N, C-alpha and C. Protein backbone atom coordinates (compact mmCIF):
# COMPACT_ATOMS: atom_id res chain seq x y z
N MET A 1 1.44 -1.28 0.35
CA MET A 1 -0.23 -0.03 0.56
C MET A 1 1.08 1.25 -0.11
N LYS A 2 0.55 2.32 -0.84
CA LYS A 2 1.40 3.19 -1.18
C LYS A 2 0.47 4.54 -0.42
N LYS A 3 1.11 5.84 -0.30
CA LYS A 3 0.36 6.61 0.73
C LYS A 3 -0.29 7.79 -0.57
N ILE A 4 -1.68 7.95 -0.64
CA ILE A 4 -2.00 8.72 -1.16
C ILE A 4 -2.01 10.12 -0.79
N VAL A 5 -1.13 11.01 -1.93
CA VAL A 5 -1.54 12.47 -1.66
C VAL A 5 -2.94 13.32 -1.91
N LYS A 6 -3.67 13.23 -0.87
CA LYS A 6 -5.07 14.32 -1.61
C LYS A 6 -4.58 15.75 -2.36
N ARG A 7 -5.00 15.70 -3.49
CA ARG A 7 -4.95 17.09 -3.92
C ARG A 7 -6.53 17.99 -3.83
N ARG A 8 -6.55 18.81 -5.13
CA ARG A 8 -7.93 20.09 -4.66
C ARG A 8 -9.14 18.98 -5.33
N GLU A 9 -9.79 18.87 -5.03
CA GLU A 9 -10.96 17.97 -5.53
C GLU A 9 -11.87 18.50 -6.27
N PRO A 10 -11.68 17.99 -7.88
CA PRO A 10 -12.38 18.61 -9.33
C PRO A 10 -14.03 19.64 -8.49
N ALA A 11 -13.90 20.67 -9.27
CA ALA A 11 -14.76 21.45 -9.24
C ALA A 11 -16.28 20.97 -9.24
N GLU A 12 -16.03 19.86 -10.26
CA GLU A 12 -17.66 19.20 -10.96
C GLU A 12 -17.94 18.64 -9.76
N LEU A 13 -17.50 17.92 -8.88
CA LEU A 13 -17.94 17.43 -7.25
C LEU A 13 -17.78 18.38 -6.60
N ARG A 14 -17.58 19.68 -6.30
CA ARG A 14 -18.04 20.96 -5.56
C ARG A 14 -19.28 21.29 -5.93
N GLU A 15 -19.32 21.23 -7.12
CA GLU A 15 -20.27 22.13 -7.75
C GLU A 15 -21.83 21.35 -7.59
N HIS A 16 -21.36 20.03 -7.44
CA HIS A 16 -22.77 18.75 -7.50
C HIS A 16 -23.03 18.42 -5.96
N ARG A 17 -21.89 19.08 -4.74
CA ARG A 17 -22.57 18.81 -3.87
C ARG A 17 -22.84 19.98 -3.14
N LYS A 18 -23.01 21.12 -3.86
CA LYS A 18 -23.48 22.74 -3.80
C LYS A 18 -24.71 22.76 -4.11
N ARG A 19 -25.19 21.99 -4.84
CA ARG A 19 -26.22 21.58 -5.99
C ARG A 19 -27.09 20.69 -4.92
N GLY A 20 -26.82 20.33 -4.05
CA GLY A 20 -27.75 19.80 -2.71
C GLY A 20 -27.33 17.85 -3.34
N GLY A 21 -26.33 17.76 -4.66
CA GLY A 21 -27.05 16.65 -4.88
C GLY A 21 -26.53 15.07 -3.70
N GLU A 22 -26.85 14.07 -4.72
CA GLU A 22 -25.92 12.66 -3.74
C GLU A 22 -25.34 11.93 -4.17
N TYR A 23 -24.60 11.26 -4.27
CA TYR A 23 -23.77 10.12 -4.57
C TYR A 23 -24.45 9.85 -5.68
N ASP A 24 -25.48 9.26 -5.42
CA ASP A 24 -26.34 7.95 -6.31
C ASP A 24 -27.03 8.82 -7.13
N ASP A 25 -27.27 10.58 -7.64
CA ASP A 25 -28.01 11.07 -8.43
C ASP A 25 -27.52 10.36 -9.56
N ALA A 26 -28.69 10.45 -10.50
CA ALA A 26 -28.75 10.37 -11.71
C ALA A 26 -28.53 11.56 -12.77
N GLN A 27 -28.78 12.38 -12.35
CA GLN A 27 -29.30 13.86 -13.16
C GLN A 27 -27.27 14.01 -13.27
N GLY A 28 -27.00 14.56 -14.25
CA GLY A 28 -25.52 14.62 -14.32
C GLY A 28 -24.67 13.63 -13.65
N GLN A 29 -24.94 12.72 -13.71
CA GLN A 29 -24.16 11.95 -12.74
C GLN A 29 -22.65 11.32 -13.65
N SER A 30 -22.85 11.50 -15.01
CA SER A 30 -22.19 10.77 -16.27
C SER A 30 -20.98 12.00 -16.00
N ARG A 31 -20.99 13.34 -15.54
CA ARG A 31 -20.14 14.50 -16.52
C ARG A 31 -19.34 14.43 -15.09
N TRP A 32 -19.71 14.54 -13.40
CA TRP A 32 -19.33 14.86 -12.48
C TRP A 32 -18.43 13.63 -11.99
N LYS A 33 -19.28 12.54 -12.62
CA LYS A 33 -17.96 11.31 -11.64
C LYS A 33 -17.63 10.86 -12.59
N ASP A 34 -17.00 11.00 -13.66
CA ASP A 34 -16.16 11.25 -14.98
C ASP A 34 -15.12 11.64 -14.50
N ARG A 35 -15.20 13.13 -13.95
CA ARG A 35 -13.98 13.78 -13.73
C ARG A 35 -13.81 13.51 -12.29
N LEU A 36 -14.49 13.28 -11.15
CA LEU A 36 -13.35 12.27 -10.11
C LEU A 36 -12.87 11.25 -10.53
N ARG A 37 -13.31 10.10 -11.04
CA ARG A 37 -12.54 9.35 -11.56
C ARG A 37 -11.45 9.72 -11.98
N GLU A 38 -11.17 10.77 -13.35
CA GLU A 38 -10.13 11.12 -13.83
C GLU A 38 -9.64 11.79 -12.52
N ALA A 39 -9.77 12.50 -11.44
CA ALA A 39 -8.64 12.92 -10.45
C ALA A 39 -8.43 11.96 -9.77
N LEU A 40 -9.16 11.39 -9.51
CA LEU A 40 -8.48 10.35 -8.57
C LEU A 40 -7.55 9.24 -8.96
N LEU A 41 -7.58 9.36 -10.01
CA LEU A 41 -6.18 7.58 -10.70
C LEU A 41 -5.44 8.94 -11.00
N ALA A 42 -5.80 10.00 -10.86
CA ALA A 42 -4.04 10.49 -11.72
C ALA A 42 -3.26 11.37 -10.29
N GLU A 43 -4.31 11.36 -9.17
CA GLU A 43 -3.63 11.18 -7.79
C GLU A 43 -2.77 10.69 -7.66
N GLN A 44 -3.30 9.22 -7.78
CA GLN A 44 -2.82 7.83 -7.46
C GLN A 44 -2.00 7.42 -8.38
N GLY A 45 -1.35 8.13 -9.48
CA GLY A 45 -0.78 7.32 -10.05
C GLY A 45 -1.37 6.37 -11.14
N HIS A 46 -2.10 6.14 -11.20
CA HIS A 46 -3.08 5.40 -11.50
C HIS A 46 -2.95 3.73 -11.03
N LEU A 47 -2.84 4.07 -9.81
CA LEU A 47 -2.60 2.49 -8.81
C LEU A 47 -4.22 2.76 -8.11
N CYS A 48 -4.14 1.15 -7.74
CA CYS A 48 -5.29 1.04 -6.74
C CYS A 48 -4.80 1.25 -5.79
N CYS A 49 -5.55 1.86 -4.58
CA CYS A 49 -5.22 2.86 -3.81
C CYS A 49 -5.32 1.27 -2.71
N TYR A 50 -4.98 0.46 -2.68
CA TYR A 50 -5.29 -0.85 -1.52
C TYR A 50 -4.12 -2.05 -2.41
N CYS A 51 -3.98 -2.38 -3.93
CA CYS A 51 -3.39 -3.41 -4.04
C CYS A 51 -2.24 -2.75 -4.65
N MET A 52 -2.20 -1.87 -5.09
CA MET A 52 -1.12 -0.90 -6.29
C MET A 52 -1.25 -1.65 -7.70
N GLN A 53 -2.15 -2.29 -8.08
CA GLN A 53 -2.26 -3.11 -9.39
C GLN A 53 -2.86 -1.64 -10.33
N THR A 54 -2.65 -1.94 -11.14
CA THR A 54 -2.44 -0.14 -12.00
C THR A 54 -3.47 -0.44 -12.65
N ILE A 55 -4.40 0.73 -12.69
CA ILE A 55 -6.11 0.85 -12.87
C ILE A 55 -6.02 1.53 -13.96
N SER A 56 -7.36 1.78 -14.84
CA SER A 56 -7.58 2.70 -15.60
C SER A 56 -9.05 2.80 -15.42
N PRO A 57 -9.56 3.89 -16.25
CA PRO A 57 -10.99 4.61 -16.52
C PRO A 57 -11.86 3.81 -16.32
N ASP A 58 -11.26 2.25 -17.47
CA ASP A 58 -13.03 1.25 -17.57
C ASP A 58 -12.77 0.10 -16.91
N ALA A 59 -11.28 0.20 -16.02
CA ALA A 59 -11.00 -1.23 -14.93
C ALA A 59 -10.92 -0.59 -13.49
N SER A 60 -12.07 0.28 -13.30
CA SER A 60 -12.15 1.17 -11.77
C SER A 60 -13.23 0.77 -10.96
N LYS A 61 -13.28 1.34 -9.71
CA LYS A 61 -14.26 1.81 -8.99
C LYS A 61 -14.12 2.88 -8.51
N ILE A 62 -14.81 4.04 -7.69
CA ILE A 62 -14.65 4.88 -6.70
C ILE A 62 -15.19 4.31 -5.64
N GLU A 63 -13.79 3.97 -4.24
CA GLU A 63 -14.09 3.69 -3.02
C GLU A 63 -14.35 4.60 -2.49
N HIS A 64 -15.38 4.13 -0.95
CA HIS A 64 -15.49 5.16 0.26
C HIS A 64 -14.97 4.59 1.02
N PHE A 65 -13.87 5.09 1.52
CA PHE A 65 -13.00 4.67 2.75
C PHE A 65 -13.64 4.56 3.35
N ARG A 66 -14.28 5.70 4.01
CA ARG A 66 -15.68 5.10 5.16
C ARG A 66 -17.10 4.98 4.10
N CYS A 67 -17.23 3.76 4.41
CA CYS A 67 -18.42 3.39 3.44
C CYS A 67 -19.57 4.37 3.77
N GLN A 68 -20.61 4.18 2.35
CA GLN A 68 -21.77 5.17 2.32
C GLN A 68 -22.79 4.26 3.42
N GLU A 69 -22.83 3.68 3.69
CA GLU A 69 -23.83 2.91 4.23
C GLU A 69 -23.74 3.35 5.85
N ASN A 70 -22.55 3.27 6.34
CA ASN A 70 -21.79 3.51 7.98
C ASN A 70 -21.36 5.53 7.71
N HIS A 71 -21.72 6.09 6.46
CA HIS A 71 -21.13 7.08 6.70
C HIS A 71 -21.34 7.79 5.84
N GLN A 72 -23.10 8.32 5.38
CA GLN A 72 -23.66 8.95 4.72
C GLN A 72 -23.08 10.47 4.57
N GLU A 73 -22.71 10.89 5.44
CA GLU A 73 -21.99 12.10 5.51
C GLU A 73 -21.01 12.41 4.63
N LEU A 74 -20.21 11.31 4.92
CA LEU A 74 -18.71 11.26 3.77
C LEU A 74 -19.12 10.89 2.26
N ALA A 75 -20.08 10.85 2.18
CA ALA A 75 -20.52 10.22 0.50
C ALA A 75 -20.02 10.62 -0.08
N LEU A 76 -19.53 12.19 -0.30
CA LEU A 76 -18.96 13.25 -1.42
C LEU A 76 -18.23 14.31 -0.66
N ARG A 77 -17.29 13.66 0.54
CA ARG A 77 -16.50 14.34 0.55
C ARG A 77 -14.86 13.57 -0.08
N TYR A 78 -14.30 14.20 -0.84
CA TYR A 78 -13.29 14.42 -1.79
C TYR A 78 -12.13 13.48 -0.83
N ASP A 79 -11.80 13.72 0.51
CA ASP A 79 -10.78 12.86 1.45
C ASP A 79 -11.63 11.50 1.59
N ASN A 80 -12.14 11.25 1.44
CA ASN A 80 -12.73 10.24 1.88
C ASN A 80 -12.60 9.53 0.37
N LEU A 81 -12.51 9.48 -0.97
CA LEU A 81 -12.98 8.69 -2.24
C LEU A 81 -11.08 8.51 -2.66
N LEU A 82 -11.23 7.82 -3.11
CA LEU A 82 -10.56 7.05 -3.71
C LEU A 82 -10.79 6.29 -4.88
N ALA A 83 -9.82 5.55 -5.74
CA ALA A 83 -9.87 4.99 -6.82
C ALA A 83 -9.16 3.56 -6.52
N ALA A 84 -10.13 2.59 -6.90
CA ALA A 84 -9.64 1.04 -6.33
C ALA A 84 -9.76 0.24 -7.72
N CYS A 85 -8.86 -0.93 -7.74
CA CYS A 85 -9.30 -1.66 -8.97
C CYS A 85 -10.65 -2.57 -8.24
N LEU A 86 -11.45 -3.26 -9.47
CA LEU A 86 -12.47 -4.40 -9.54
C LEU A 86 -12.03 -5.42 -8.57
N GLY A 87 -10.71 -5.58 -8.16
CA GLY A 87 -10.83 -6.82 -7.03
C GLY A 87 -11.43 -8.02 -7.21
N GLY A 88 -11.39 -8.49 -8.56
CA GLY A 88 -12.00 -10.09 -8.62
C GLY A 88 -13.94 -9.86 -8.46
N GLN A 89 -14.30 -8.96 -8.64
CA GLN A 89 -15.67 -8.66 -8.96
C GLN A 89 -16.30 -9.48 -9.69
N GLY A 90 -17.15 -10.28 -9.08
CA GLY A 90 -17.89 -11.53 -9.64
C GLY A 90 -17.44 -12.63 -9.46
N SER A 91 -16.33 -12.96 -9.25
CA SER A 91 -15.38 -14.10 -8.86
C SER A 91 -15.96 -14.78 -7.36
N PRO A 92 -15.31 -15.84 -7.12
CA PRO A 92 -15.36 -16.73 -6.07
C PRO A 92 -15.28 -15.87 -4.46
N GLY A 93 -15.29 -15.95 -3.03
CA GLY A 93 -15.20 -14.75 -2.58
C GLY A 93 -14.21 -15.15 -2.49
N HIS A 94 -13.24 -16.32 -2.60
CA HIS A 94 -11.59 -16.01 -2.04
C HIS A 94 -10.91 -15.60 -3.00
N LEU A 95 -11.26 -15.29 -3.91
CA LEU A 95 -10.50 -14.75 -4.98
C LEU A 95 -10.64 -13.34 -4.80
N GLN A 96 -12.00 -12.83 -3.86
CA GLN A 96 -12.11 -11.20 -3.95
C GLN A 96 -11.04 -10.61 -2.97
N HIS A 97 -10.97 -8.96 -3.41
CA HIS A 97 -9.63 -8.30 -2.82
C HIS A 97 -10.19 -6.64 -2.69
N CYS A 98 -9.56 -5.91 -2.27
CA CYS A 98 -9.43 -4.48 -1.95
C CYS A 98 -10.97 -4.39 -1.53
N ASP A 99 -11.37 -3.36 -2.50
CA ASP A 99 -13.07 -2.74 -1.82
C ASP A 99 -13.69 -4.17 -2.27
N THR A 100 -14.18 -4.90 -2.91
CA THR A 100 -14.95 -5.71 -3.29
C THR A 100 -14.73 -6.69 -2.75
N ALA A 101 -13.53 -7.18 -1.42
CA ALA A 101 -13.93 -8.49 -0.53
C ALA A 101 -14.15 -7.19 1.14
N LYS A 102 -13.71 -5.57 1.10
CA LYS A 102 -13.72 -4.53 2.06
C LYS A 102 -15.17 -4.97 1.95
N ALA A 103 -16.15 -4.77 0.86
CA ALA A 103 -17.73 -3.69 0.98
C ALA A 103 -17.63 -3.13 1.81
N ASN A 104 -19.01 -3.02 2.92
CA ASN A 104 -19.22 -2.12 4.04
C ASN A 104 -18.39 -2.04 5.36
N ARG A 105 -17.08 -2.81 5.14
CA ARG A 105 -16.92 -2.50 6.46
C ARG A 105 -15.71 -1.61 6.72
N ASP A 106 -15.41 -1.05 7.79
CA ASP A 106 -14.43 0.01 7.79
C ASP A 106 -13.06 -0.76 8.49
N ILE A 107 -11.87 -0.15 8.00
CA ILE A 107 -10.05 -0.46 8.65
C ILE A 107 -9.57 0.64 9.41
N SER A 108 -9.15 0.15 9.83
CA SER A 108 -8.27 1.05 10.54
C SER A 108 -7.13 1.91 9.98
N ILE A 109 -6.28 0.98 8.41
CA ILE A 109 -5.44 1.19 8.03
C ILE A 109 -5.78 2.08 6.45
N ASP A 110 -5.37 3.98 6.74
CA ASP A 110 -5.53 4.52 5.54
C ASP A 110 -4.34 4.51 4.68
N PRO A 111 -5.30 4.49 3.75
CA PRO A 111 -3.56 4.63 2.49
C PRO A 111 -3.43 6.47 2.69
N THR A 112 -3.92 6.91 2.94
CA THR A 112 -3.54 8.50 3.02
C THR A 112 -2.89 9.14 4.44
N ALA A 113 -2.72 7.93 5.06
CA ALA A 113 -1.83 8.56 6.49
C ALA A 113 -0.85 7.37 6.24
N ASN A 114 0.18 7.50 5.75
CA ASN A 114 1.29 6.82 5.46
C ASN A 114 0.92 5.40 6.21
N PRO A 115 0.78 4.65 4.68
CA PRO A 115 0.42 3.21 5.33
C PRO A 115 1.42 2.48 5.51
N GLU A 116 2.56 2.52 4.48
CA GLU A 116 3.83 2.19 4.16
C GLU A 116 4.84 2.38 6.09
N LEU A 117 4.30 3.21 6.33
CA LEU A 117 4.84 2.47 8.27
C LEU A 117 4.66 1.49 8.66
N HIS A 118 3.11 0.59 8.38
CA HIS A 118 2.46 -0.64 8.90
C HIS A 118 2.55 -1.55 7.88
N VAL A 119 3.26 -1.72 6.64
CA VAL A 119 2.83 -2.58 5.70
C VAL A 119 4.30 -3.32 5.44
N ARG A 120 4.12 -4.80 5.63
CA ARG A 120 5.79 -5.36 5.06
C ARG A 120 5.31 -6.22 4.05
N TYR A 121 6.47 -6.65 3.68
CA TYR A 121 6.41 -7.65 2.42
C TYR A 121 7.35 -8.54 2.85
N THR A 122 6.74 -10.47 2.06
CA THR A 122 7.88 -11.23 2.31
C THR A 122 8.18 -10.98 0.48
N SER A 123 9.31 -12.37 0.99
CA SER A 123 10.31 -12.54 -0.54
C SER A 123 9.75 -13.44 -1.38
N ASP A 124 8.49 -14.06 -0.55
CA ASP A 124 7.57 -14.69 -1.61
C ASP A 124 6.18 -14.13 -1.86
N GLY A 125 6.14 -12.78 -1.76
CA GLY A 125 5.26 -11.72 -2.19
C GLY A 125 4.00 -11.48 -1.32
N LYS A 126 4.32 -12.09 -0.47
CA LYS A 126 3.04 -12.05 0.93
C LYS A 126 3.17 -10.67 1.17
N VAL A 127 2.17 -9.76 1.68
CA VAL A 127 1.94 -8.94 2.85
C VAL A 127 1.78 -8.72 4.42
N ARG A 128 2.04 -8.52 5.47
CA ARG A 128 1.69 -8.68 6.69
C ARG A 128 2.11 -7.42 6.92
N SER A 129 1.39 -7.09 8.34
CA SER A 129 2.01 -6.31 9.58
C SER A 129 2.80 -7.00 10.97
N ASP A 130 2.91 -5.96 11.56
CA ASP A 130 3.79 -6.28 12.91
C ASP A 130 2.16 -5.89 13.74
N ASP A 131 1.23 -5.38 13.15
CA ASP A 131 0.35 -4.11 14.21
C ASP A 131 -0.70 -5.54 13.50
N PRO A 132 -1.05 -6.28 14.94
CA PRO A 132 -2.70 -7.06 14.50
C PRO A 132 -4.04 -6.49 14.44
N SER A 133 -3.60 -5.64 14.14
CA SER A 133 -5.20 -5.22 13.51
C SER A 133 -4.91 -4.51 12.21
N VAL A 134 -4.01 -3.56 12.01
CA VAL A 134 -3.92 -3.83 10.68
C VAL A 134 -3.59 -5.37 9.52
N HIS A 135 -2.53 -6.01 10.02
CA HIS A 135 -2.61 -7.04 9.73
C HIS A 135 -3.90 -7.61 9.47
N HIS A 136 -4.58 -7.96 10.16
CA HIS A 136 -6.30 -8.34 9.71
C HIS A 136 -6.78 -7.72 9.05
N ASP A 137 -6.56 -6.80 8.57
CA ASP A 137 -7.23 -5.01 7.72
C ASP A 137 -6.49 -5.87 6.84
N LEU A 138 -5.31 -6.01 6.08
CA LEU A 138 -4.56 -6.23 5.39
C LEU A 138 -5.03 -7.63 4.33
N THR A 139 -5.24 -8.61 5.21
CA THR A 139 -5.30 -10.48 5.11
C THR A 139 -6.32 -10.62 5.36
N GLU A 140 -7.32 -10.09 5.90
CA GLU A 140 -8.97 -10.75 6.01
C GLU A 140 -10.06 -9.79 5.76
N VAL A 141 -9.44 -8.13 5.78
CA VAL A 141 -10.45 -7.68 5.48
C VAL A 141 -10.31 -6.96 3.62
N LEU A 142 -9.63 -6.96 3.45
CA LEU A 142 -9.07 -6.92 1.79
C LEU A 142 -8.59 -7.25 1.51
N ARG A 143 -7.74 -8.68 1.32
CA ARG A 143 -7.37 -10.00 1.20
C ARG A 143 -6.34 -9.93 0.34
N LEU A 144 -5.50 -8.69 0.99
CA LEU A 144 -4.53 -8.50 0.17
C LEU A 144 -3.29 -10.13 -0.62
N ASN A 145 -3.92 -10.70 0.48
CA ASN A 145 -2.52 -11.86 0.12
C ASN A 145 -3.65 -12.89 -0.89
N ALA A 146 -4.80 -12.50 -1.69
CA ALA A 146 -5.30 -13.30 -2.77
C ALA A 146 -4.22 -14.00 -3.39
N PRO A 147 -4.06 -15.47 -4.13
CA PRO A 147 -3.66 -16.13 -4.82
C PRO A 147 -3.33 -15.29 -5.80
N ASN A 148 -3.83 -14.22 -7.14
CA ASN A 148 -2.96 -13.81 -8.43
C ASN A 148 -2.62 -12.53 -7.58
N LEU A 149 -2.85 -11.78 -6.55
CA LEU A 149 -2.15 -10.72 -5.87
C LEU A 149 -0.84 -10.80 -5.20
N VAL A 150 -0.15 -12.58 -4.49
CA VAL A 150 1.11 -13.30 -4.11
C VAL A 150 1.71 -13.65 -5.31
N ARG A 151 1.01 -14.30 -6.78
CA ARG A 151 1.56 -13.82 -7.54
C ARG A 151 2.42 -12.98 -8.15
N ALA A 152 1.46 -11.80 -8.27
CA ALA A 152 2.14 -10.83 -8.93
C ALA A 152 3.14 -10.16 -8.19
N ARG A 153 3.05 -10.03 -7.09
CA ARG A 153 4.21 -9.05 -6.30
C ARG A 153 4.86 -10.42 -5.85
N LYS A 154 5.10 -11.42 -6.29
CA LYS A 154 6.75 -12.54 -6.15
C LYS A 154 7.31 -12.11 -7.87
N GLN A 155 6.57 -11.89 -8.60
CA GLN A 155 6.94 -11.63 -10.05
C GLN A 155 7.97 -10.85 -10.38
N VAL A 156 7.14 -9.07 -9.79
CA VAL A 156 7.76 -7.93 -9.48
C VAL A 156 9.31 -8.01 -8.63
N ILE A 157 9.44 -9.06 -7.30
CA ILE A 157 10.72 -9.25 -6.91
C ILE A 157 11.32 -10.00 -7.48
N ASP A 158 10.60 -11.17 -8.08
CA ASP A 158 11.94 -11.88 -9.15
C ASP A 158 12.27 -11.30 -9.85
N SER A 159 11.52 -10.28 -10.76
CA SER A 159 12.31 -9.32 -11.46
C SER A 159 12.98 -8.53 -11.70
N LEU A 160 12.94 -7.57 -10.48
CA LEU A 160 13.67 -6.56 -10.17
C LEU A 160 15.11 -7.37 -9.55
N VAL A 161 15.34 -8.86 -8.83
CA VAL A 161 16.48 -9.06 -8.60
C VAL A 161 17.03 -9.12 -9.50
N HIS A 162 16.13 -9.54 -10.36
CA HIS A 162 17.46 -10.03 -11.88
C HIS A 162 17.53 -8.67 -12.91
N GLU A 163 16.81 -8.21 -12.33
CA GLU A 163 17.48 -6.62 -13.62
C GLU A 163 18.40 -5.90 -12.61
N LEU A 164 18.29 -5.86 -11.39
CA LEU A 164 19.41 -5.60 -10.72
C LEU A 164 20.72 -6.34 -11.16
N SER A 165 20.28 -7.93 -10.94
CA SER A 165 21.36 -8.37 -10.67
C SER A 165 22.72 -8.55 -12.10
N VAL A 166 21.57 -8.39 -13.66
CA VAL A 166 22.26 -8.58 -15.01
C VAL A 166 22.96 -7.37 -14.88
N ARG A 167 22.70 -5.65 -14.16
CA ARG A 167 23.01 -4.57 -14.86
C ARG A 167 24.45 -4.39 -13.07
N LEU A 168 23.45 -4.71 -12.07
CA LEU A 168 24.91 -4.21 -11.13
C LEU A 168 25.53 -5.53 -10.20
N GLY A 169 25.43 -6.62 -11.04
CA GLY A 169 26.22 -7.42 -10.16
C GLY A 169 25.66 -8.27 -9.52
N ALA A 170 26.37 -9.66 -8.74
CA ALA A 170 25.66 -10.77 -7.54
C ALA A 170 25.11 -9.58 -6.45
N ARG A 171 24.27 -10.06 -6.00
CA ARG A 171 23.57 -9.33 -4.68
C ARG A 171 25.16 -9.79 -3.55
N GLY A 172 25.51 -8.38 -2.99
CA GLY A 172 26.34 -8.45 -2.00
C GLY A 172 27.48 -7.55 -2.73
N THR A 173 27.46 -7.20 -3.84
CA THR A 173 27.71 -6.08 -5.04
C THR A 173 27.28 -4.71 -5.52
N TRP A 174 26.27 -4.88 -5.11
CA TRP A 174 25.10 -3.71 -5.04
C TRP A 174 25.81 -2.87 -3.89
N LYS A 175 26.15 -1.51 -5.15
CA LYS A 175 26.49 -0.30 -3.70
C LYS A 175 25.16 0.72 -4.10
N THR A 176 25.68 1.52 -2.88
CA THR A 176 24.23 2.22 -2.09
C THR A 176 23.83 3.37 -3.30
N ALA A 177 25.18 4.02 -4.42
CA ALA A 177 24.77 4.86 -5.56
C ALA A 177 23.47 4.28 -6.55
N ASP A 178 24.28 3.06 -6.22
CA ASP A 178 22.90 2.61 -7.96
C ASP A 178 21.76 2.13 -7.31
N ILE A 179 21.39 1.41 -6.03
CA ILE A 179 20.19 1.73 -5.60
C ILE A 179 19.59 2.22 -6.04
N ASP A 180 20.41 3.97 -4.74
CA ASP A 180 19.75 4.46 -4.70
C ASP A 180 18.92 5.43 -6.21
N THR A 181 19.33 4.74 -6.73
CA THR A 181 18.72 5.48 -8.22
C THR A 181 18.00 5.02 -8.84
N TRP A 182 18.12 3.42 -8.38
CA TRP A 182 16.82 2.91 -8.86
C TRP A 182 15.47 2.70 -8.09
N LEU A 183 16.00 3.93 -6.89
CA LEU A 183 14.78 4.16 -5.34
C LEU A 183 14.12 5.19 -6.33
N ARG A 184 14.77 5.85 -7.00
CA ARG A 184 14.36 7.37 -7.87
C ARG A 184 13.41 6.80 -8.12
N ARG A 185 13.34 5.74 -9.61
CA ARG A 185 12.91 5.65 -10.41
C ARG A 185 10.98 4.78 -10.25
N TRP A 186 11.97 4.27 -8.66
CA TRP A 186 10.51 3.41 -8.08
C TRP A 186 9.41 4.32 -7.59
N LYS A 187 10.01 5.32 -7.06
CA LYS A 187 9.98 6.59 -6.31
C LYS A 187 8.33 7.05 -6.88
N ALA A 188 9.19 7.65 -8.48
CA ALA A 188 8.97 8.68 -9.39
C ALA A 188 7.55 8.12 -10.15
N ARG A 189 6.59 9.41 -10.71
CA ARG A 189 6.38 9.03 -12.02
C ARG A 189 6.76 9.00 -13.40
N GLU A 190 5.69 8.39 -14.15
CA GLU A 190 6.50 8.82 -15.71
C GLU A 190 5.40 8.64 -16.49
N ASP A 191 5.23 9.84 -16.74
CA ASP A 191 3.69 10.43 -17.19
C ASP A 191 2.05 10.36 -16.66
N ASP A 192 2.67 11.17 -15.44
CA ASP A 192 2.48 10.70 -14.29
C ASP A 192 1.77 9.35 -13.83
N ARG A 193 2.68 8.43 -14.35
CA ARG A 193 2.49 6.86 -13.53
C ARG A 193 2.98 6.39 -12.67
N PHE A 194 2.81 5.85 -11.53
CA PHE A 194 3.67 5.17 -11.22
C PHE A 194 4.13 3.60 -11.51
N LEU A 195 5.11 2.90 -10.84
CA LEU A 195 5.31 1.77 -11.66
C LEU A 195 4.12 0.79 -11.33
N PRO A 196 3.83 -0.81 -11.76
CA PRO A 196 2.81 -1.04 -10.52
C PRO A 196 3.04 -1.57 -9.68
N PHE A 197 2.78 -1.53 -8.56
CA PHE A 197 2.87 -2.35 -7.24
C PHE A 197 4.82 -1.16 -6.38
N ALA A 198 4.30 -0.37 -6.66
CA ALA A 198 5.12 0.52 -7.03
C ALA A 198 6.07 0.32 -4.88
N GLN A 199 4.99 0.80 -4.03
CA GLN A 199 5.62 0.64 -3.20
C GLN A 199 5.97 -0.51 -2.69
N LEU A 200 5.91 -1.80 -3.50
CA LEU A 200 6.91 -2.85 -3.24
C LEU A 200 8.09 -2.98 -3.46
N GLY A 201 8.84 -2.56 -5.19
CA GLY A 201 9.61 -2.33 -5.27
C GLY A 201 10.45 -1.36 -4.39
N VAL A 202 10.09 -0.70 -3.73
CA VAL A 202 10.52 0.80 -2.81
C VAL A 202 11.03 -0.18 -1.56
N PHE A 203 10.26 -0.75 -0.91
CA PHE A 203 9.98 -1.61 0.45
C PHE A 203 11.51 -2.52 -0.17
N PHE A 204 11.44 -3.76 -1.00
CA PHE A 204 13.04 -3.43 -0.67
C PHE A 204 14.34 -3.79 -1.65
N LEU A 205 13.81 -2.22 -2.42
CA LEU A 205 15.08 -1.61 -2.91
C LEU A 205 15.82 -0.93 -1.11
N GLU A 206 14.54 -0.12 -0.27
CA GLU A 206 15.20 0.20 0.75
C GLU A 206 15.93 -0.02 1.43
N LYS A 207 15.57 -1.82 1.70
CA LYS A 207 15.68 -3.13 2.50
C LYS A 207 17.37 -3.66 2.40
N TRP A 208 17.01 -3.80 0.98
CA TRP A 208 18.75 -4.33 -0.08
C TRP A 208 19.98 -2.98 0.80
N ARG A 209 19.46 -1.90 0.40
CA ARG A 209 20.22 -0.99 0.92
C ARG A 209 20.82 -0.53 2.36
N ARG A 210 19.77 -0.84 3.11
CA ARG A 210 19.68 -0.48 4.16
C ARG A 210 20.97 -1.60 5.08
N ARG A 211 20.98 -2.98 4.55
CA ARG A 211 22.01 -4.45 4.43
C ARG A 211 23.36 -4.87 3.78
N GLY A 212 23.26 -3.30 2.61
CA GLY A 212 24.06 -3.40 1.78
C GLY A 212 24.38 -4.47 1.17
N ASP A 213 23.50 -5.14 0.70
CA ASP A 213 23.40 -6.17 -0.43
C ASP A 213 22.31 -6.38 -1.54
């Protein structure tokens, strides 16, 4: 999970709220919701707010961090709105993840409040936390260890190790300056997009940098 820095809300959302509109209003829905989705994708670098897979306007959903059912007063609050992947929508329950699995439950880990301080990754592609409540949110509510996500993260880790080995030599010979160059790449946007699973790459690069291997 990568920290999301919220930007200024789109004018179309603000105007819709001023008119007394509701989230599920049909009138003018296409324009303001399309603009909202574009704004959320842009500020997140086109990554899902939870799993960090790449998302697009046609393959994403607008997520209410605090669900509408329990927090109707936040339904049009921009700081409560995020963009999420489809999360295996329509698949069996054990294959669902992110907002689709979360449904109407509240979670303690907030993508806008330095989540990387609480999230760790293992070399086999799994996500975990030393905080029991956060670990429960990640694994039981958001189901970020769904099989397809674990496989995708493992592939990213293996590809990163392979590419570093080809360019920098065997592990144990990687220099701090070289790792810093890769860190800048994984932290940066290109054409306003982050690399898929960006914080995963940052996590391991920073780990290898600290160990000097």
